[in-house]
Amino acid sequence: IQEKQEAIWQPTEGVNVKVNFDACFNNYTNNSASGIIARNNEGHIMVARTYPNIHVRDATIIEAR
């Protein structure tokens, strides 16, 4: 039996920047939000931003954005 391991953020090596993003969609209100965060190799946040999206027809449109 394999134990489930929790994913832990790891810094990159060198001068790379690691970027993560995610989005959520509410079917009832047709609204969504997207977020992005970029960290340098020391783990310091370089950019963090959220984007609200209103009047969205479905989740496919959010994935395209």
PDB file of N, CA and C in Angstrom:
ATOM      1  N   ILE A   1       0.849  -1.181   0.000  1.00  0.00           N
ATOM      2  CA  ILE A   1       0.000   0.000   0.000  1.00  0.00           C
ATOM      3  C   ILE A   1       0.889   1.237   0.000  1.00  0.00           C
ATOM      4  N   GLN A   2       0.606   2.144  -0.926  1.00  0.00           N
ATOM      5  CA  GLN A   2       1.366   3.377  -0.998  1.00  0.00           C
ATOM      6  C   GLN A   2       0.703   4.451  -0.150  1.00  0.00           C
ATOM      7  N   GLU A   3       1.531   5.196   0.566  1.00  0.00           N
ATOM      8  CA  GLU A   3       1.016   6.303   1.353  1.00  0.00           C
ATOM      9  C   GLU A   3       0.926   7.549   0.479  1.00  0.00           C
ATOM     10  N   LYS A   4      -0.129   8.311   0.667  1.00  0.00           N
ATOM     11  CA  LYS A   4      -0.286   9.544  -0.094  1.00  0.00           C
ATOM     12  C   LYS A   4       0.669  10.589   0.474  1.00  0.00           C
ATOM     13  N   GLN A   5       1.468  11.189  -0.402  1.00  0.00           N
ATOM     14  CA  GLN A   5       2.406  12.214   0.021  1.00  0.00           C
ATOM     15  C   GLN A   5       1.844  13.585  -0.309  1.00  0.00           C
ATOM     16  N   GLU A   6       1.991  14.494   0.629  1.00  0.00           N
ATOM     17  CA  GLU A   6       1.522  15.858   0.420  1.00  0.00           C
ATOM     18  C   GLU A   6       2.520  16.605  -0.454  1.00  0.00           C
ATOM     19  N   ALA A   7       2.011  17.325  -1.450  1.00  0.00           N
ATOM     20  CA  ALA A   7       2.873  18.114  -2.330  1.00  0.00           C
ATOM     21  C   ALA A   7       3.352  19.352  -1.583  1.00  0.00           C
ATOM     22  N   ILE A   8       4.641  19.578  -1.602  1.00  0.00           N
ATOM     23  CA  ILE A   8       5.240  20.723  -0.924  1.00  0.00           C
ATOM     24  C   ILE A   8       5.980  21.551  -1.955  1.00  0.00           C
ATOM     25  N   TRP A   9       5.803  22.869  -1.904  1.00  0.00           N
ATOM     26  CA  TRP A   9       6.475  23.742  -2.845  1.00  0.00           C
ATOM     27  C   TRP A   9       7.971  23.639  -2.655  1.00  0.00           C
ATOM     28  N   GLN A  10       8.693  23.511  -3.750  1.00  0.00           N
ATOM     29  CA  GLN A  10      10.146  23.441  -3.726  1.00  0.00           C
ATOM     30  C   GLN A  10      10.708  24.581  -4.584  1.00  0.00           C
ATOM     31  N   PRO A  11      11.725  25.280  -4.093  1.00  0.00           N
ATOM     32  CA  PRO A  11      12.311  26.343  -4.917  1.00  0.00           C
ATOM     33  C   PRO A  11      13.037  25.768  -6.121  1.00  0.00           C
ATOM     34  N   THR A  12      13.145  26.566  -7.166  1.00  0.00           N
ATOM     35  CA  THR A  12      13.874  26.147  -8.357  1.00  0.00           C
ATOM     36  C   THR A  12      15.361  26.387  -8.154  1.00  0.00           C
ATOM     37  N   GLU A  13      16.178  25.806  -9.008  1.00  0.00           N
ATOM     38  CA  GLU A  13      17.619  26.012  -8.927  1.00  0.00           C
ATOM     39  C   GLU A  13      18.019  27.125  -9.889  1.00  0.00           C
ATOM     40  N   GLY A  14      19.053  27.874  -9.555  1.00  0.00           N
ATOM     41  CA  GLY A  14      19.537  28.935 -10.429  1.00  0.00           C
ATOM     42  C   GLY A  14      18.670  30.172 -10.351  1.00  0.00           C
ATOM     43  N   VAL A  15      18.526  30.847 -11.480  1.00  0.00           N
ATOM     44  CA  VAL A  15      17.776  32.109 -11.517  1.00  0.00           C
ATOM     45  C   VAL A  15      16.392  31.930 -12.136  1.00  0.00           C
ATOM     46  N   ASN A  16      15.850  30.744 -12.083  1.00  0.00           N
ATOM     47  CA  ASN A  16      14.534  30.465 -12.648  1.00  0.00           C
ATOM     48  C   ASN A  16      13.425  31.073 -11.796  1.00  0.00           C
ATOM     49  N   VAL A  17      12.271  31.242 -12.403  1.00  0.00           N
ATOM     50  CA  VAL A  17      11.065  31.693 -11.715  1.00  0.00           C
ATOM     51  C   VAL A  17      10.018  30.609 -11.889  1.00  0.00           C
ATOM     52  N   LYS A  18       9.349  30.251 -10.790  1.00  0.00           N
ATOM     53  CA  LYS A  18       8.307  29.233 -10.831  1.00  0.00           C
ATOM     54  C   LYS A  18       6.950  29.926 -10.771  1.00  0.00           C
ATOM     55  N   VAL A  19       6.058  29.587 -11.724  1.00  0.00           N
ATOM     56  CA  VAL A  19       4.750  30.225 -11.817  1.00  0.00           C
ATOM     57  C   VAL A  19       3.662  29.169 -11.621  1.00  0.00           C
ATOM     58  N   ASN A  20       2.714  29.457 -10.736  1.00  0.00           N
ATOM     59  CA  ASN A  20       1.563  28.590 -10.511  1.00  0.00           C
ATOM     60  C   ASN A  20       0.300  29.395 -10.770  1.00  0.00           C
ATOM     61  N   PHE A  21      -0.724  28.728 -11.302  1.00  0.00           N
ATOM     62  CA  PHE A  21      -1.992  29.403 -11.532  1.00  0.00           C
ATOM     63  C   PHE A  21      -3.128  28.420 -11.312  1.00  0.00           C
ATOM     64  N   ASP A  22      -4.307  28.973 -11.055  1.00  0.00           N
ATOM     65  CA  ASP A  22      -5.496  28.160 -10.844  1.00  0.00           C
ATOM     66  C   ASP A  22      -6.716  29.020 -11.138  1.00  0.00           C
ATOM     67  N   ALA A  23      -7.853  28.375 -11.323  1.00  0.00           N
ATOM     68  CA  ALA A  23      -9.097  29.090 -11.583  1.00  0.00           C
ATOM     69  C   ALA A  23     -10.257  28.335 -10.951  1.00  0.00           C
ATOM     70  N   CYS A  24     -11.314  29.048 -10.636  1.00  0.00           N
ATOM     71  CA  CYS A  24     -12.533  28.420 -10.119  1.00  0.00           C
ATOM     72  C   CYS A  24     -13.729  29.029 -10.845  1.00  0.00           C
ATOM     73  N   PHE A  25     -14.824  28.275 -10.905  1.00  0.00           N
ATOM     74  CA  PHE A  25     -16.015  28.703 -11.634  1.00  0.00           C
ATOM     75  C   PHE A  25     -17.251  28.379 -10.815  1.00  0.00           C
ATOM     76  N   ASN A  26     -18.185  29.333 -10.716  1.00  0.00           N
ATOM     77  CA  ASN A  26     -19.443  29.146 -10.009  1.00  0.00           C
ATOM     78  C   ASN A  26     -20.553  29.033 -11.042  1.00  0.00           C
ATOM     79  N   ASN A  27     -21.129  27.845 -11.157  1.00  0.00           N
ATOM     80  CA  ASN A  27     -22.189  27.562 -12.136  1.00  0.00           C
ATOM     81  C   ASN A  27     -23.435  28.418 -11.932  1.00  0.00           C
ATOM     82  N   TYR A  28     -23.769  28.711 -10.691  1.00  0.00           N
ATOM     83  CA  TYR A  28     -25.017  29.401 -10.387  1.00  0.00           C
ATOM     84  C   TYR A  28     -24.967  30.885 -10.714  1.00  0.00           C
ATOM     85  N   THR A  29     -23.813  31.520 -10.510  1.00  0.00           N
ATOM     86  CA  THR A  29     -23.701  32.960 -10.746  1.00  0.00           C
ATOM     87  C   THR A  29     -22.995  33.293 -12.059  1.00  0.00           C
ATOM     88  N   ASN A  30     -22.442  32.270 -12.719  1.00  0.00           N
ATOM     89  CA  ASN A  30     -21.652  32.453 -13.944  1.00  0.00           C
ATOM     90  C   ASN A  30     -20.482  33.412 -13.750  1.00  0.00           C
ATOM     91  N   ASN A  31     -19.887  33.361 -12.572  1.00  0.00           N
ATOM     92  CA  ASN A  31     -18.704  34.144 -12.255  1.00  0.00           C
ATOM     93  C   ASN A  31     -17.542  33.196 -11.977  1.00  0.00           C
ATOM     94  N   SER A  32     -16.351  33.713 -12.121  1.00  0.00           N
ATOM     95  CA  SER A  32     -15.175  32.904 -11.820  1.00  0.00           C
ATOM     96  C   SER A  32     -14.046  33.807 -11.352  1.00  0.00           C
ATOM     97  N   ALA A  33     -12.983  33.175 -10.911  1.00  0.00           N
ATOM     98  CA  ALA A  33     -11.781  33.905 -10.514  1.00  0.00           C
ATOM     99  C   ALA A  33     -10.576  33.086 -10.938  1.00  0.00           C
ATOM    100  N   SER A  34      -9.552  33.780 -11.385  1.00  0.00           N
ATOM    101  CA  SER A  34      -8.295  33.150 -11.758  1.00  0.00           C
ATOM    102  C   SER A  34      -7.203  33.770 -10.901  1.00  0.00           C
ATOM    103  N   GLY A  35      -6.194  32.989 -10.587  1.00  0.00           N
ATOM    104  CA  GLY A  35      -5.105  33.506  -9.779  1.00  0.00           C
ATOM    105  C   GLY A  35      -3.766  33.037 -10.308  1.00  0.00           C
ATOM    106  N   ILE A  36      -2.736  33.842 -10.092  1.00  0.00           N
ATOM    107  CA  ILE A  36      -1.384  33.504 -10.525  1.00  0.00           C
ATOM    108  C   ILE A  36      -0.400  33.967  -9.450  1.00  0.00           C
ATOM    109  N   ILE A  37       0.642  33.175  -9.243  1.00  0.00           N
ATOM    110  CA  ILE A  37       1.691  33.542  -8.304  1.00  0.00           C
ATOM    111  C   ILE A  37       3.025  33.105  -8.899  1.00  0.00           C
ATOM    112  N   ALA A  38       4.020  33.973  -8.818  1.00  0.00           N
ATOM    113  CA  ALA A  38       5.357  33.675  -9.333  1.00  0.00           C
ATOM    114  C   ALA A  38       6.355  33.853  -8.196  1.00  0.00           C
ATOM    115  N   ARG A  39       7.238  32.859  -8.046  1.00  0.00           N
ATOM    116  CA  ARG A  39       8.260  32.900  -6.989  1.00  0.00           C
ATOM    117  C   ARG A  39       9.635  32.706  -7.602  1.00  0.00           C
ATOM    118  N   ASN A  40      10.615  33.350  -6.989  1.00  0.00           N
ATOM    119  CA  ASN A  40      11.977  33.177  -7.474  1.00  0.00           C
ATOM    120  C   ASN A  40      12.610  31.951  -6.831  1.00  0.00           C
ATOM    121  N   ASN A  41      13.890  31.712  -7.112  1.00  0.00           N
ATOM    122  CA  ASN A  41      14.551  30.508  -6.610  1.00  0.00           C
ATOM    123  C   ASN A  41      14.762  30.526  -5.099  1.00  0.00           C
ATOM    124  N   GLU A  42      14.555  31.666  -4.447  1.00  0.00           N
ATOM    125  CA  GLU A  42      14.659  31.731  -2.988  1.00  0.00           C
ATOM    126  C   GLU A  42      13.293  31.586  -2.317  1.00  0.00           C
ATOM    127  N   GLY A  43      12.241  31.464  -3.121  1.00  0.00           N
ATOM    128  CA  GLY A  43      10.891  31.310  -2.586  1.00  0.00           C
ATOM    129  C   GLY A  43      10.173  32.622  -2.352  1.00  0.00           C
ATOM    130  N   HIS A  44      10.805  33.738  -2.705  1.00  0.00           N
ATOM    131  CA  HIS A  44      10.166  35.038  -2.527  1.00  0.00           C
ATOM    132  C   HIS A  44       9.123  35.264  -3.619  1.00  0.00           C
ATOM    133  N   ILE A  45       7.997  35.819  -3.234  1.00  0.00           N
ATOM    134  CA  ILE A  45       6.923  36.083  -4.184  1.00  0.00           C
ATOM    135  C   ILE A  45       7.297  37.288  -5.038  1.00  0.00           C
ATOM    136  N   MET A  46       7.318  37.079  -6.345  1.00  0.00           N
ATOM    137  CA  MET A  46       7.637  38.151  -7.292  1.00  0.00           C
ATOM    138  C   MET A  46       6.351  38.830  -7.772  1.00  0.00           C
ATOM    139  N   VAL A  47       5.312  38.031  -8.020  1.00  0.00           N
ATOM    140  CA  VAL A  47       4.036  38.527  -8.514  1.00  0.00           C
ATOM    141  C   VAL A  47       2.928  37.660  -7.930  1.00  0.00           C
ATOM    142  N   ALA A  48       1.857  38.290  -7.501  1.00  0.00           N
ATOM    143  CA  ALA A  48       0.657  37.572  -7.067  1.00  0.00           C
ATOM    144  C   ALA A  48      -0.532  38.396  -7.547  1.00  0.00           C
ATOM    145  N   ARG A  49      -1.451  37.745  -8.236  1.00  0.00           N
ATOM    146  CA  ARG A  49      -2.570  38.487  -8.821  1.00  0.00           C
ATOM    147  C   ARG A  49      -3.796  37.599  -8.918  1.00  0.00           C
ATOM    148  N   THR A  50      -4.962  38.167  -8.680  1.00  0.00           N
ATOM    149  CA  THR A  50      -6.221  37.473  -8.925  1.00  0.00           C
ATOM    150  C   THR A  50      -7.009  38.271  -9.952  1.00  0.00           C
ATOM    151  N   TYR A  51      -7.761  37.562 -10.748  1.00  0.00           N
ATOM    152  CA  TYR A  51      -8.559  38.172 -11.811  1.00  0.00           C
ATOM    153  C   TYR A  51     -10.000  37.705 -11.666  1.00  0.00           C
ATOM    154  N   PRO A  52     -10.931  38.591 -11.295  1.00  0.00           N
ATOM    155  CA  PRO A  52     -12.340  38.189 -11.280  1.00  0.00           C
ATOM    156  C   PRO A  52     -12.887  38.209 -12.712  1.00  0.00           C
ATOM    157  N   ASN A  53     -13.720  37.253 -13.029  1.00  0.00           N
ATOM    158  CA  ASN A  53     -14.351  37.167 -14.349  1.00  0.00           C
ATOM    159  C   ASN A  53     -15.861  37.065 -14.134  1.00  0.00           C
ATOM    160  N   ILE A  54     -16.608  37.987 -14.701  1.00  0.00           N
ATOM    161  CA  ILE A  54     -18.068  37.964 -14.527  1.00  0.00           C
ATOM    162  C   ILE A  54     -18.747  37.658 -15.853  1.00  0.00           C
ATOM    163  N   HIS A  55     -19.965  37.160 -15.776  1.00  0.00           N
ATOM    164  CA  HIS A  55     -20.791  36.826 -16.942  1.00  0.00           C
ATOM    165  C   HIS A  55     -20.078  35.826 -17.861  1.00  0.00           C
ATOM    166  N   VAL A  56     -19.620  34.732 -17.288  1.00  0.00           N
ATOM    167  CA  VAL A  56     -18.926  33.690 -18.035  1.00  0.00           C
ATOM    168  C   VAL A  56     -19.918  32.562 -18.311  1.00  0.00           C
ATOM    169  N   ARG A  57     -19.966  32.082 -19.536  1.00  0.00           N
ATOM    170  CA  ARG A  57     -20.949  31.042 -19.888  1.00  0.00           C
ATOM    171  C   ARG A  57     -20.633  29.686 -19.282  1.00  0.00           C
ATOM    172  N   ASP A  58     -19.361  29.275 -19.364  1.00  0.00           N
ATOM    173  CA  ASP A  58     -18.987  27.973 -18.797  1.00  0.00           C
ATOM    174  C   ASP A  58     -17.505  27.940 -18.473  1.00  0.00           C
ATOM    175  N   ALA A  59     -17.070  26.881 -17.821  1.00  0.00           N
ATOM    176  CA  ALA A  59     -15.690  26.753 -17.359  1.00  0.00           C
ATOM    177  C   ALA A  59     -14.680  26.672 -18.512  1.00  0.00           C
ATOM    178  N   THR A  60     -15.108  26.236 -19.681  1.00  0.00           N
ATOM    179  CA  THR A  60     -14.204  26.136 -20.827  1.00  0.00           C
ATOM    180  C   THR A  60     -13.649  27.510 -21.220  1.00  0.00           C
ATOM    181  N   ILE A  61     -14.482  28.527 -21.119  1.00  0.00           N
ATOM    182  CA  ILE A  61     -14.037  29.872 -21.456  1.00  0.00           C
ATOM    183  C   ILE A  61     -12.955  30.333 -20.477  1.00  0.00           C
ATOM    184  N   ILE A  62     -13.114  30.000 -19.209  1.00  0.00           N
ATOM    185  CA  ILE A  62     -12.113  30.374 -18.204  1.00  0.00           C
ATOM    186  C   ILE A  62     -10.792  29.657 -18.487  1.00  0.00           C
ATOM    187  N   GLU A  63     -10.854  28.408 -18.861  1.00  0.00           N
ATOM    188  CA  GLU A  63      -9.622  27.679 -19.195  1.00  0.00           C
ATOM    189  C   GLU A  63      -8.901  28.332 -20.362  1.00  0.00           C
ATOM    190  N   ALA A  64      -9.651  28.832 -21.344  1.00  0.00           N
ATOM    191  CA  ALA A  64      -9.039  29.494 -22.485  1.00  0.00           C
ATOM    192  C   ALA A  64      -8.382  30.816 -22.092  1.00  0.00           C
ATOM    193  N   ARG A  65      -9.000  31.530 -21.165  1.00  0.00           N
ATOM    194  CA  ARG A  65      -8.424  32.804 -20.726  1.00  0.00           C
ATOM    195  C   ARG A  65      -7.152  32.569 -19.974  1.00  0.00           C
TER     196      ARG A  65
END
